């Protein structure tokens, strides 16, 4: 028996979740405990994760759109999906298309592009012609930067943009596009403006920045929280024995004041292994910083909507 620490598909540092991997021929074989991953593992393992995963996040996007329409008295009937063609982008678009259909939205464009493309002119022209109420992009940093620059060149401004995290929340993204990021939203689980409600956020961020010279973001905050969950379980287990750690992880019951996330805590579902208490946020780039805009009771400001035309921006 052994403990293996894995990395998430996003390549972020290992974080606490757990899965019990068994031999393909016999479930009675000795079990290895695999600890790691931001999201549920795939394959012959019991799924587990501290953070909401992409399906949860996509569902939250549509929850936000529904609540925003009710709150503001506006209608957002059409959706465009714009995604890079790896498994991340394809799976994201698949779930979003299903949710759109279930909730009565019309998908006017579904555009896949080659990851790390050098040009997105044709794709952005199609998005502009489609004229969707909401654009849901999924892509990594270089693609996100190229999209924004191309959108400006072609004078394309959708009324609302909600990204699937990744490249649209990174510090390199804001460095690459600057004020042109204004108003772009992303699903998230973390934002530095939470420090106004949770002083622990500022303290941990200061420690992190002293080491890394960068602020915590959505990805690194999940990595940090996951590792805290793992270390808490090891402490309670009083051992690094895999089975003892596994049992301790399953018994995890962290409270809101023990973490930097705006969650109700960390407690794993006995059947799925997924944290029952982790909830998504929607954040929006405002003045070079990501600000929480949903859930509305946690918002530090109003949603900028519709996005201003390029000609109206200073």
C-alpha atoms as a PDB file:
ATOM      1  CA  UNK A   1       0.000   0.000   0.000  1.00  0.00           C
ATOM      2  CA  UNK A   2       1.233   3.467  -0.807  1.00  0.00           C
ATOM      3  CA  UNK A   3       0.164   7.101  -0.919  1.00  0.00           C
ATOM      4  CA  UNK A   4       0.534   8.829  -4.274  1.00  0.00           C
ATOM      5  CA  UNK A   5       0.346  12.596  -4.688  1.00  0.00           C
ATOM      6  CA  UNK A   6      -0.993  13.623  -8.089  1.00  0.00           C
ATOM      7  CA  UNK A   7      -1.360  16.884  -9.971  1.00  0.00           C
ATOM      8  CA  UNK A   8      -4.555  18.197 -11.505  1.00  0.00           C
ATOM      9  CA  UNK A   9      -5.067  18.326 -15.258  1.00  0.00           C
ATOM     10  CA  UNK A  10      -4.524  22.080 -14.941  1.00  0.00           C
ATOM     11  CA  UNK A  11      -0.973  21.450 -13.774  1.00  0.00           C
ATOM     12  CA  UNK A  12      -1.439  23.216 -10.453  1.00  0.00           C
ATOM     13  CA  UNK A  13       0.251  22.005  -7.270  1.00  0.00           C
ATOM     14  CA  UNK A  14      -1.219  18.888  -5.663  1.00  0.00           C
ATOM     15  CA  UNK A  15      -4.242  19.462  -3.498  1.00  0.00           C
ATOM     16  CA  UNK A  16      -6.287  17.307  -1.248  1.00  0.00           C
ATOM     17  CA  UNK A  17      -8.926  15.070  -2.585  1.00  0.00           C
ATOM     18  CA  UNK A  18      -8.840  11.347  -2.441  1.00  0.00           C
ATOM     19  CA  UNK A  19      -9.576   8.284  -4.423  1.00  0.00           C
ATOM     20  CA  UNK A  20      -9.127   4.596  -3.736  1.00  0.00           C
ATOM     21  CA  UNK A  21      -7.525   2.832  -6.662  1.00  0.00           C
ATOM     22  CA  UNK A  22      -7.899  -0.902  -6.888  1.00  0.00           C
ATOM     23  CA  UNK A  23      -6.485  -3.521  -9.159  1.00  0.00           C
ATOM     24  CA  UNK A  24      -8.548  -4.087 -12.314  1.00  0.00           C
ATOM     25  CA  UNK A  25      -8.854  -7.824 -11.696  1.00  0.00           C
ATOM     26  CA  UNK A  26      -9.917  -7.954  -8.073  1.00  0.00           C
ATOM     27  CA  UNK A  27     -11.475  -5.355  -5.789  1.00  0.00           C
ATOM     28  CA  UNK A  28     -10.126  -7.313  -2.846  1.00  0.00           C
ATOM     29  CA  UNK A  29      -6.540  -6.411  -3.683  1.00  0.00           C
ATOM     30  CA  UNK A  30      -4.611  -4.028  -1.346  1.00  0.00           C
ATOM     31  CA  UNK A  31      -5.660  -0.423  -1.954  1.00  0.00           C
ATOM     32  CA  UNK A  32      -3.457   2.507  -2.870  1.00  0.00           C
ATOM     33  CA  UNK A  33      -4.591   5.929  -1.719  1.00  0.00           C
ATOM     34  CA  UNK A  34      -4.237   8.604  -4.375  1.00  0.00           C
ATOM     35  CA  UNK A  35      -4.319  12.118  -2.958  1.00  0.00           C
ATOM     36  CA  UNK A  36      -4.381  15.091  -5.261  1.00  0.00           C
ATOM     37  CA  UNK A  37      -6.410  16.743  -8.020  1.00  0.00           C
ATOM     38  CA  UNK A  38      -8.595  19.815  -7.916  1.00  0.00           C
ATOM     39  CA  UNK A  39     -11.477  17.971  -9.526  1.00  0.00           C
ATOM     40  CA  UNK A  40     -12.843  14.416  -9.427  1.00  0.00           C
ATOM     41  CA  UNK A  41     -10.510  11.889 -10.940  1.00  0.00           C
ATOM     42  CA  UNK A  42     -11.531   9.812 -13.941  1.00  0.00           C
ATOM     43  CA  UNK A  43     -10.909   6.153 -14.525  1.00  0.00           C
ATOM     44  CA  UNK A  44     -11.095   3.240 -12.055  1.00  0.00           C
ATOM     45  CA  UNK A  45     -11.216   5.411  -8.930  1.00  0.00           C
ATOM     46  CA  UNK A  46     -13.738   6.741  -6.487  1.00  0.00           C
ATOM     47  CA  UNK A  47     -14.314  10.354  -7.503  1.00  0.00           C
ATOM     48  CA  UNK A  48     -13.412  13.035  -4.997  1.00  0.00           C
ATOM     49  CA  UNK A  49     -12.522  16.693  -4.829  1.00  0.00           C
ATOM     50  CA  UNK A  50     -12.394  19.650  -2.442  1.00  0.00           C
ATOM     51  CA  UNK A  51     -13.381  22.188  -5.083  1.00  0.00           C
ATOM     52  CA  UNK A  52     -16.467  22.392  -7.270  1.00  0.00           C
ATOM     53  CA  UNK A  53     -15.631  20.954 -10.683  1.00  0.00           C
ATOM     54  CA  UNK A  54     -16.370  22.206 -14.190  1.00  0.00           C
ATOM     55  CA  UNK A  55     -19.908  20.803 -14.302  1.00  0.00           C
ATOM     56  CA  UNK A  56     -20.713  22.596 -11.044  1.00  0.00           C
ATOM     57  CA  UNK A  57     -19.172  25.786 -12.410  1.00  0.00           C
ATOM     58  CA  UNK A  58     -21.103  25.637 -15.667  1.00  0.00           C
ATOM     59  CA  UNK A  59     -24.327  25.049 -13.748  1.00  0.00           C
ATOM     60  CA  UNK A  60     -23.486  28.086 -11.603  1.00  0.00           C
ATOM     61  CA  UNK A  61     -23.021  30.195 -14.746  1.00  0.00           C
ATOM     62  CA  UNK A  62     -26.581  29.464 -15.795  1.00  0.00           C
ATOM     63  CA  UNK A  63     -27.827  30.007 -12.238  1.00  0.00           C
ATOM     64  CA  UNK A  64     -26.193  33.429 -12.344  1.00  0.00           C
ATOM     65  CA  UNK A  65     -27.672  34.271 -15.764  1.00  0.00           C
ATOM     66  CA  UNK A  66     -31.153  33.315 -14.541  1.00  0.00           C
ATOM     67  CA  UNK A  67     -30.855  35.340 -11.332  1.00  0.00           C
ATOM     68  CA  UNK A  68     -29.293  38.308 -13.134  1.00  0.00           C
ATOM     69  CA  UNK A  69     -32.174  38.460 -15.616  1.00  0.00           C
ATOM     70  CA  UNK A  70     -34.701  38.384 -12.774  1.00  0.00           C
ATOM     71  CA  UNK A  71     -32.825  41.013 -10.763  1.00  0.00           C
ATOM     72  CA  UNK A  72     -32.254  43.456 -13.622  1.00  0.00           C
ATOM     73  CA  UNK A  73     -35.361  42.786 -15.694  1.00  0.00           C
ATOM     74  CA  UNK A  74     -33.379  41.968 -18.838  1.00  0.00           C
ATOM     75  CA  UNK A  75     -33.502  39.061 -21.272  1.00  0.00           C
ATOM     76  CA  UNK A  76     -30.473  37.048 -22.365  1.00  0.00           C
ATOM     77  CA  UNK A  77     -31.977  34.447 -24.706  1.00  0.00           C
ATOM     78  CA  UNK A  78     -28.970  33.412 -26.799  1.00  0.00           C
ATOM     79  CA  UNK A  79     -25.584  31.862 -26.086  1.00  0.00           C
ATOM     80  CA  UNK A  80     -22.358  31.432 -28.055  1.00  0.00           C
ATOM     81  CA  UNK A  81     -19.794  28.820 -27.039  1.00  0.00           C
ATOM     82  CA  UNK A  82     -16.151  29.498 -27.898  1.00  0.00           C
ATOM     83  CA  UNK A  83     -13.605  26.934 -26.775  1.00  0.00           C
ATOM     84  CA  UNK A  84     -10.167  25.488 -27.368  1.00  0.00           C
ATOM     85  CA  UNK A  85     -10.163  21.993 -28.815  1.00  0.00           C
ATOM     86  CA  UNK A  86      -8.503  19.982 -26.058  1.00  0.00           C
ATOM     87  CA  UNK A  87     -10.458  17.838 -23.600  1.00  0.00           C
ATOM     88  CA  UNK A  88     -10.858  20.812 -21.241  1.00  0.00           C
ATOM     89  CA  UNK A  89     -12.539  23.024 -23.813  1.00  0.00           C
ATOM     90  CA  UNK A  90     -14.562  20.278 -25.464  1.00  0.00           C
ATOM     91  CA  UNK A  91     -15.963  18.956 -22.197  1.00  0.00           C
ATOM     92  CA  UNK A  92     -16.767  22.470 -21.027  1.00  0.00           C
ATOM     93  CA  UNK A  93     -18.693  23.250 -24.227  1.00  0.00           C
ATOM     94  CA  UNK A  94     -20.520  19.918 -24.116  1.00  0.00           C
ATOM     95  CA  UNK A  95     -21.858  20.565 -20.623  1.00  0.00           C
ATOM     96  CA  UNK A  96     -22.720  24.190 -21.408  1.00  0.00           C
ATOM     97  CA  UNK A  97     -24.606  23.185 -24.551  1.00  0.00           C
ATOM     98  CA  UNK A  98     -26.625  20.639 -22.568  1.00  0.00           C
ATOM     99  CA  UNK A  99     -27.443  23.174 -19.855  1.00  0.00           C
ATOM    100  CA  UNK A 100     -28.440  25.797 -22.422  1.00  0.00           C
ATOM    101  CA  UNK A 101     -30.856  23.380 -24.079  1.00  0.00           C
ATOM    102  CA  UNK A 102     -32.338  22.260 -20.766  1.00  0.00           C
ATOM    103  CA  UNK A 103     -32.949  25.860 -19.697  1.00  0.00           C
ATOM    104  CA  UNK A 104     -34.373  27.180 -22.938  1.00  0.00           C
ATOM    105  CA  UNK A 105     -31.439  29.175 -24.320  1.00  0.00           C
ATOM    106  CA  UNK A 106     -30.629  29.110 -28.018  1.00  0.00           C
ATOM    107  CA  UNK A 107     -27.006  28.305 -28.869  1.00  0.00           C
ATOM    108  CA  UNK A 108     -26.330  30.443 -31.934  1.00  0.00           C
ATOM    109  CA  UNK A 109     -22.646  29.523 -32.312  1.00  0.00           C
ATOM    110  CA  UNK A 110     -20.492  26.658 -31.086  1.00  0.00           C
ATOM    111  CA  UNK A 111     -16.947  27.335 -32.214  1.00  0.00           C
ATOM    112  CA  UNK A 112     -13.915  25.185 -31.447  1.00  0.00           C
ATOM    113  CA  UNK A 113     -10.460  26.539 -32.237  1.00  0.00           C
ATOM    114  CA  UNK A 114      -6.998  25.024 -32.066  1.00  0.00           C
ATOM    115  CA  UNK A 115      -5.423  25.565 -28.665  1.00  0.00           C
ATOM    116  CA  UNK A 116      -2.638  28.179 -28.712  1.00  0.00           C
ATOM    117  CA  UNK A 117      -3.787  29.491 -32.068  1.00  0.00           C
ATOM    118  CA  UNK A 118      -1.877  32.278 -33.767  1.00  0.00           C
ATOM    119  CA  UNK A 119      -5.017  33.817 -35.302  1.00  0.00           C
ATOM    120  CA  UNK A 120      -8.696  33.894 -34.331  1.00  0.00           C
ATOM    121  CA  UNK A 121      -9.999  36.358 -36.919  1.00  0.00           C
ATOM    122  CA  UNK A 122     -12.425  34.002 -38.672  1.00  0.00           C
ATOM    123  CA  UNK A 123     -13.773  32.697 -35.364  1.00  0.00           C
ATOM    124  CA  UNK A 124     -14.358  36.150 -33.904  1.00  0.00           C
ATOM    125  CA  UNK A 125     -16.080  37.273 -37.107  1.00  0.00           C
ATOM    126  CA  UNK A 126     -18.511  34.368 -36.694  1.00  0.00           C
ATOM    127  CA  UNK A 127     -19.127  35.292 -33.054  1.00  0.00           C
ATOM    128  CA  UNK A 128     -19.819  38.880 -34.045  1.00  0.00           C
ATOM    129  CA  UNK A 129     -22.243  37.807 -36.781  1.00  0.00           C
ATOM    130  CA  UNK A 130     -24.011  35.473 -34.356  1.00  0.00           C
ATOM    131  CA  UNK A 131     -24.743  38.343 -31.985  1.00  0.00           C
ATOM    132  CA  UNK A 132     -25.397  36.198 -28.911  1.00  0.00           C
ATOM    133  CA  UNK A 133     -26.565  37.758 -25.647  1.00  0.00           C
ATOM    134  CA  UNK A 134     -23.894  35.882 -23.688  1.00  0.00           C
ATOM    135  CA  UNK A 135     -20.498  34.553 -24.751  1.00  0.00           C
ATOM    136  CA  UNK A 136     -19.088  31.586 -22.818  1.00  0.00           C
ATOM    137  CA  UNK A 137     -15.381  31.190 -23.695  1.00  0.00           C
ATOM    138  CA  UNK A 138     -13.100  28.400 -22.506  1.00  0.00           C
ATOM    139  CA  UNK A 139      -9.378  28.760 -23.111  1.00  0.00           C
ATOM    140  CA  UNK A 140      -5.925  29.167 -21.687  1.00  0.00           C
ATOM    141  CA  UNK A 141      -3.933  32.353 -21.279  1.00  0.00           C
ATOM    142  CA  UNK A 142      -2.438  32.883 -24.736  1.00  0.00           C
ATOM    143  CA  UNK A 143      -5.793  32.156 -26.369  1.00  0.00           C
ATOM    144  CA  UNK A 144      -7.626  34.491 -23.992  1.00  0.00           C
ATOM    145  CA  UNK A 145      -5.207  37.321 -24.755  1.00  0.00           C
ATOM    146  CA  UNK A 146      -5.480  36.728 -28.503  1.00  0.00           C
ATOM    147  CA  UNK A 147      -9.271  36.634 -28.328  1.00  0.00           C
ATOM    148  CA  UNK A 148      -9.524  39.995 -26.561  1.00  0.00           C
ATOM    149  CA  UNK A 149      -7.063  41.652 -28.941  1.00  0.00           C
ATOM    150  CA  UNK A 150      -8.870  40.228 -31.964  1.00  0.00           C
ATOM    151  CA  UNK A 151     -12.269  41.250 -30.591  1.00  0.00           C
ATOM    152  CA  UNK A 152     -11.027  44.811 -30.257  1.00  0.00           C
ATOM    153  CA  UNK A 153      -9.590  44.836 -33.779  1.00  0.00           C
ATOM    154  CA  UNK A 154     -12.904  43.583 -35.193  1.00  0.00           C
ATOM    155  CA  UNK A 155     -15.053  45.787 -32.947  1.00  0.00           C
ATOM    156  CA  UNK A 156     -16.781  42.808 -31.326  1.00  0.00           C
ATOM    157  CA  UNK A 157     -18.284  43.351 -27.886  1.00  0.00           C
ATOM    158  CA  UNK A 158     -20.844  40.826 -26.639  1.00  0.00           C
ATOM    159  CA  UNK A 159     -23.202  42.192 -23.977  1.00  0.00           C
ATOM    160  CA  UNK A 160     -21.908  39.670 -21.441  1.00  0.00           C
ATOM    161  CA  UNK A 161     -18.840  37.395 -21.270  1.00  0.00           C
ATOM    162  CA  UNK A 162     -18.539  34.615 -18.675  1.00  0.00           C
ATOM    163  CA  UNK A 163     -15.319  32.611 -18.988  1.00  0.00           C
ATOM    164  CA  UNK A 164     -14.580  29.118 -17.745  1.00  0.00           C
ATOM    165  CA  UNK A 165     -11.746  30.388 -15.535  1.00  0.00           C
ATOM    166  CA  UNK A 166      -8.300  29.202 -16.800  1.00  0.00           C
ATOM    167  CA  UNK A 167      -6.588  31.832 -18.985  1.00  0.00           C
ATOM    168  CA  UNK A 168      -9.131  34.539 -18.286  1.00  0.00           C
ATOM    169  CA  UNK A 169      -8.174  34.915 -14.604  1.00  0.00           C
ATOM    170  CA  UNK A 170      -4.397  34.691 -14.725  1.00  0.00           C
ATOM    171  CA  UNK A 171      -2.107  37.631 -13.951  1.00  0.00           C
ATOM    172  CA  UNK A 172      -0.489  37.164 -17.374  1.00  0.00           C
ATOM    173  CA  UNK A 173      -3.901  37.718 -18.966  1.00  0.00           C
ATOM    174  CA  UNK A 174      -4.449  41.102 -17.341  1.00  0.00           C
ATOM    175  CA  UNK A 175      -0.824  42.022 -18.099  1.00  0.00           C
ATOM    176  CA  UNK A 176      -1.408  41.107 -21.745  1.00  0.00           C
ATOM    177  CA  UNK A 177      -4.688  42.953 -22.349  1.00  0.00           C
ATOM    178  CA  UNK A 178      -4.743  45.557 -19.579  1.00  0.00           C
ATOM    179  CA  UNK A 179      -7.913  47.643 -19.358  1.00  0.00           C
ATOM    180  CA  UNK A 180      -9.415  45.754 -22.302  1.00  0.00           C
ATOM    181  CA  UNK A 181     -10.282  43.003 -19.810  1.00  0.00           C
ATOM    182  CA  UNK A 182     -12.758  45.361 -18.129  1.00  0.00           C
ATOM    183  CA  UNK A 183     -16.110  43.667 -17.625  1.00  0.00           C
ATOM    184  CA  UNK A 184     -15.096  40.121 -18.549  1.00  0.00           C
ATOM    185  CA  UNK A 185     -16.492  37.706 -15.992  1.00  0.00           C
ATOM    186  CA  UNK A 186     -15.323  34.286 -14.913  1.00  0.00           C
ATOM    187  CA  UNK A 187     -16.610  31.550 -12.723  1.00  0.00           C
ATOM    188  CA  UNK A 188     -14.415  31.203  -9.687  1.00  0.00           C
ATOM    189  CA  UNK A 189     -14.145  30.061  -6.086  1.00  0.00           C
ATOM    190  CA  UNK A 190     -11.921  32.850  -4.828  1.00  0.00           C
ATOM    191  CA  UNK A 191     -11.190  36.552  -5.122  1.00  0.00           C
ATOM    192  CA  UNK A 192      -8.912  38.830  -3.134  1.00  0.00           C
ATOM    193  CA  UNK A 193     -11.762  41.212  -2.364  1.00  0.00           C
ATOM    194  CA  UNK A 194     -13.111  38.510  -0.046  1.00  0.00           C
ATOM    195  CA  UNK A 195     -10.576  39.885   2.447  1.00  0.00           C
ATOM    196  CA  UNK A 196     -13.163  42.508   3.397  1.00  0.00           C
ATOM    197  CA  UNK A 197     -15.289  39.691   4.814  1.00  0.00           C
ATOM    198  CA  UNK A 198     -12.535  37.223   5.708  1.00  0.00           C
ATOM    199  CA  UNK A 199      -9.371  38.860   7.157  1.00  0.00           C
ATOM    200  CA  UNK A 200      -7.587  35.506   6.855  1.00  0.00           C
ATOM    201  CA  UNK A 201      -7.513  36.021   3.076  1.00  0.00           C
ATOM    202  CA  UNK A 202      -5.246  39.067   3.366  1.00  0.00           C
ATOM    203  CA  UNK A 203      -2.935  37.333   5.838  1.00  0.00           C
ATOM    204  CA  UNK A 204      -2.457  34.219   3.722  1.00  0.00           C
ATOM    205  CA  UNK A 205      -2.090  36.238   0.520  1.00  0.00           C
ATOM    206  CA  UNK A 206       0.662  38.345   2.100  1.00  0.00           C
ATOM    207  CA  UNK A 207       2.566  35.182   3.059  1.00  0.00           C
ATOM    208  CA  UNK A 208       2.093  33.702  -0.409  1.00  0.00           C
ATOM    209  CA  UNK A 209       3.126  36.873  -2.210  1.00  0.00           C
ATOM    210  CA  UNK A 210       6.271  37.176  -0.091  1.00  0.00           C
ATOM    211  CA  UNK A 211       7.349  33.779  -1.440  1.00  0.00           C
ATOM    212  CA  UNK A 212       5.990  33.801  -5.010  1.00  0.00           C
ATOM    213  CA  UNK A 213       5.787  37.528  -5.801  1.00  0.00           C
ATOM    214  CA  UNK A 214       2.249  37.011  -7.082  1.00  0.00           C
ATOM    215  CA  UNK A 215      -1.165  37.263  -5.474  1.00  0.00           C
ATOM    216  CA  UNK A 216      -3.277  34.215  -4.854  1.00  0.00           C
ATOM    217  CA  UNK A 217      -5.796  33.558  -7.588  1.00  0.00           C
ATOM    218  CA  UNK A 218      -8.584  31.102  -8.274  1.00  0.00           C
ATOM    219  CA  UNK A 219      -6.231  28.223  -9.065  1.00  0.00           C
ATOM    220  CA  UNK A 220      -3.586  28.744  -6.402  1.00  0.00           C
ATOM    221  CA  UNK A 221      -6.176  29.349  -3.676  1.00  0.00           C
ATOM    222  CA  UNK A 222      -7.702  25.955  -4.439  1.00  0.00           C
ATOM    223  CA  UNK A 223      -4.278  24.351  -4.347  1.00  0.00           C
ATOM    224  CA  UNK A 224      -3.597  25.957  -0.971  1.00  0.00           C
ATOM    225  CA  UNK A 225      -6.976  24.944   0.441  1.00  0.00           C
ATOM    226  CA  UNK A 226      -6.611  21.400  -0.804  1.00  0.00           C
ATOM    227  CA  UNK A 227      -3.229  21.008   0.837  1.00  0.00           C
ATOM    228  CA  UNK A 228      -4.634  22.380   4.096  1.00  0.00           C
ATOM    229  CA  UNK A 229      -7.347  19.704   3.909  1.00  0.00           C
ATOM    230  CA  UNK A 230      -4.702  17.033   3.403  1.00  0.00           C
ATOM    231  CA  UNK A 231      -2.494  18.255   6.256  1.00  0.00           C
ATOM    232  CA  UNK A 232      -5.498  18.499   8.550  1.00  0.00           C
ATOM    233  CA  UNK A 233      -6.343  14.870   7.750  1.00  0.00           C
ATOM    234  CA  UNK A 234      -2.766  13.709   8.399  1.00  0.00           C
ATOM    235  CA  UNK A 235      -2.771  15.544  11.725  1.00  0.00           C
ATOM    236  CA  UNK A 236      -6.024  13.907  12.770  1.00  0.00           C
ATOM    237  CA  UNK A 237      -4.849  10.515  11.553  1.00  0.00           C
ATOM    238  CA  UNK A 238      -1.678  10.895  13.610  1.00  0.00           C
ATOM    239  CA  UNK A 239       0.026   8.906  10.881  1.00  0.00           C
ATOM    240  CA  UNK A 240       0.931   8.856   7.208  1.00  0.00           C
ATOM    241  CA  UNK A 241      -0.424   5.335   6.874  1.00  0.00           C
ATOM    242  CA  UNK A 242      -2.562   5.417   3.699  1.00  0.00           C
ATOM    243  CA  UNK A 243      -5.642   3.809   5.216  1.00  0.00           C
ATOM    244  CA  UNK A 244      -5.517   6.067   8.255  1.00  0.00           C
ATOM    245  CA  UNK A 245      -5.214   9.137   6.023  1.00  0.00           C
ATOM    246  CA  UNK A 246      -8.061   7.916   3.817  1.00  0.00           C
ATOM    247  CA  UNK A 247     -10.383   7.508   6.783  1.00  0.00           C
ATOM    248  CA  UNK A 248      -9.379  10.885   8.178  1.00  0.00           C
ATOM    249  CA  UNK A 249     -10.081  12.564   4.837  1.00  0.00           C
ATOM    250  CA  UNK A 250     -13.526  10.993   4.687  1.00  0.00           C
ATOM    251  CA  UNK A 251     -14.197  12.344   8.196  1.00  0.00           C
ATOM    252  CA  UNK A 252     -13.102  15.893   7.276  1.00  0.00           C
ATOM    253  CA  UNK A 253     -15.384  18.607   8.637  1.00  0.00           C
ATOM    254  CA  UNK A 254     -13.625  21.970   8.231  1.00  0.00           C
ATOM    255  CA  UNK A 255     -15.519  25.141   9.130  1.00  0.00           C
ATOM    256  CA  UNK A 256     -15.632  28.483   7.255  1.00  0.00           C
ATOM    257  CA  UNK A 257     -13.266  30.194   9.690  1.00  0.00           C
ATOM    258  CA  UNK A 258     -10.616  27.560   8.972  1.00  0.00           C
ATOM    259  CA  UNK A 259     -10.193  28.448   5.295  1.00  0.00           C
ATOM    260  CA  UNK A 260      -9.719  31.321   2.875  1.00  0.00           C
ATOM    261  CA  UNK A 261     -12.537  30.151   0.596  1.00  0.00           C
ATOM    262  CA  UNK A 262     -16.057  31.612   0.890  1.00  0.00           C
ATOM    263  CA  UNK A 263     -17.418  28.105   1.377  1.00  0.00           C
ATOM    264  CA  UNK A 264     -19.569  26.735   4.165  1.00  0.00           C
ATOM    265  CA  UNK A 265     -16.756  24.300   4.855  1.00  0.00           C
ATOM    266  CA  UNK A 266     -15.224  21.065   3.591  1.00  0.00           C
ATOM    267  CA  UNK A 267     -17.121  17.842   4.140  1.00  0.00           C
ATOM    268  CA  UNK A 268     -16.956  14.979   1.674  1.00  0.00           C
ATOM    269  CA  UNK A 269     -20.060  13.212   0.428  1.00  0.00           C
ATOM    270  CA  UNK A 270     -19.875   9.588   1.540  1.00  0.00           C
ATOM    271  CA  UNK A 271     -20.888   8.284  -1.894  1.00  0.00           C
ATOM    272  CA  UNK A 272     -19.200  10.620  -4.361  1.00  0.00           C
ATOM    273  CA  UNK A 273     -16.275  11.916  -2.303  1.00  0.00           C
ATOM    274  CA  UNK A 274     -17.070  15.442  -3.526  1.00  0.00           C
ATOM    275  CA  UNK A 275     -16.975  18.322  -1.045  1.00  0.00           C
ATOM    276  CA  UNK A 276     -20.634  19.064  -0.261  1.00  0.00           C
ATOM    277  CA  UNK A 277     -19.967  22.597   0.972  1.00  0.00           C
ATOM    278  CA  UNK A 278     -17.903  24.175  -1.819  1.00  0.00           C
ATOM    279  CA  UNK A 279     -19.793  26.770  -3.848  1.00  0.00           C
ATOM    280  CA  UNK A 280     -18.826  28.743  -6.980  1.00  0.00           C
ATOM    281  CA  UNK A 281     -18.572  32.508  -7.406  1.00  0.00           C
ATOM    282  CA  UNK A 282     -18.802  34.785 -10.398  1.00  0.00           C
ATOM    283  CA  UNK A 283     -16.086  37.420 -10.587  1.00  0.00           C
ATOM    284  CA  UNK A 284     -15.603  40.324 -12.976  1.00  0.00           C
ATOM    285  CA  UNK A 285     -12.546  42.291 -14.029  1.00  0.00           C
ATOM    286  CA  UNK A 286     -12.968  45.842 -12.727  1.00  0.00           C
ATOM    287  CA  UNK A 287     -10.096  48.309 -12.703  1.00  0.00           C
ATOM    288  CA  UNK A 288      -7.507  45.562 -13.155  1.00  0.00           C
ATOM    289  CA  UNK A 289      -8.835  43.435 -10.272  1.00  0.00           C
ATOM    290  CA  UNK A 290     -11.257  40.538 -10.135  1.00  0.00           C
ATOM    291  CA  UNK A 291     -14.282  41.444  -8.007  1.00  0.00           C
ATOM    292  CA  UNK A 292     -17.014  39.146  -6.717  1.00  0.00           C
ATOM    293  CA  UNK A 293     -20.353  39.931  -8.372  1.00  0.00           C
ATOM    294  CA  UNK A 294     -22.327  36.755  -7.532  1.00  0.00           C
ATOM    295  CA  UNK A 295     -23.789  35.339  -5.336  1.00  0.00           C
ATOM    296  CA  UNK A 296     -25.291  38.779  -4.918  1.00  0.00           C
ATOM    297  CA  UNK A 297     -25.069  38.593  -1.125  1.00  0.00           C
ATOM    298  CA  UNK A 298     -21.268  38.265  -1.390  1.00  0.00           C
ATOM    299  CA  UNK A 299     -20.815  40.823  -4.176  1.00  0.00           C
ATOM    300  CA  UNK A 300     -18.419  43.720  -3.679  1.00  0.00           C
ATOM    301  CA  UNK A 301     -19.984  45.636  -6.572  1.00  0.00           C
ATOM    302  CA  UNK A 302     -22.624  45.552  -9.299  1.00  0.00           C
ATOM    303  CA  UNK A 303     -22.221  43.653 -12.551  1.00  0.00           C
ATOM    304  CA  UNK A 304     -20.990  45.858 -15.395  1.00  0.00           C
ATOM    305  CA  UNK A 305     -23.638  45.211 -18.046  1.00  0.00           C
ATOM    306  CA  UNK A 306     -23.835  45.525 -20.942  1.00  0.00           C
ATOM    307  CA  UNK A 307     -20.157  45.677 -21.756  1.00  0.00           C
ATOM    308  CA  UNK A 308     -19.300  49.096 -23.219  1.00  0.00           C
ATOM    309  CA  UNK A 309     -18.441  49.422 -26.886  1.00  0.00           C
ATOM    310  CA  UNK A 310     -14.753  49.752 -27.673  1.00  0.00           C
ATOM    311  CA  UNK A 311     -15.366  53.283 -28.955  1.00  0.00           C
ATOM    312  CA  UNK A 312     -16.823  54.275 -25.591  1.00  0.00           C
ATOM    313  CA  UNK A 313     -13.824  53.063 -23.597  1.00  0.00           C
ATOM    314  CA  UNK A 314     -11.084  55.427 -22.555  1.00  0.00           C
END
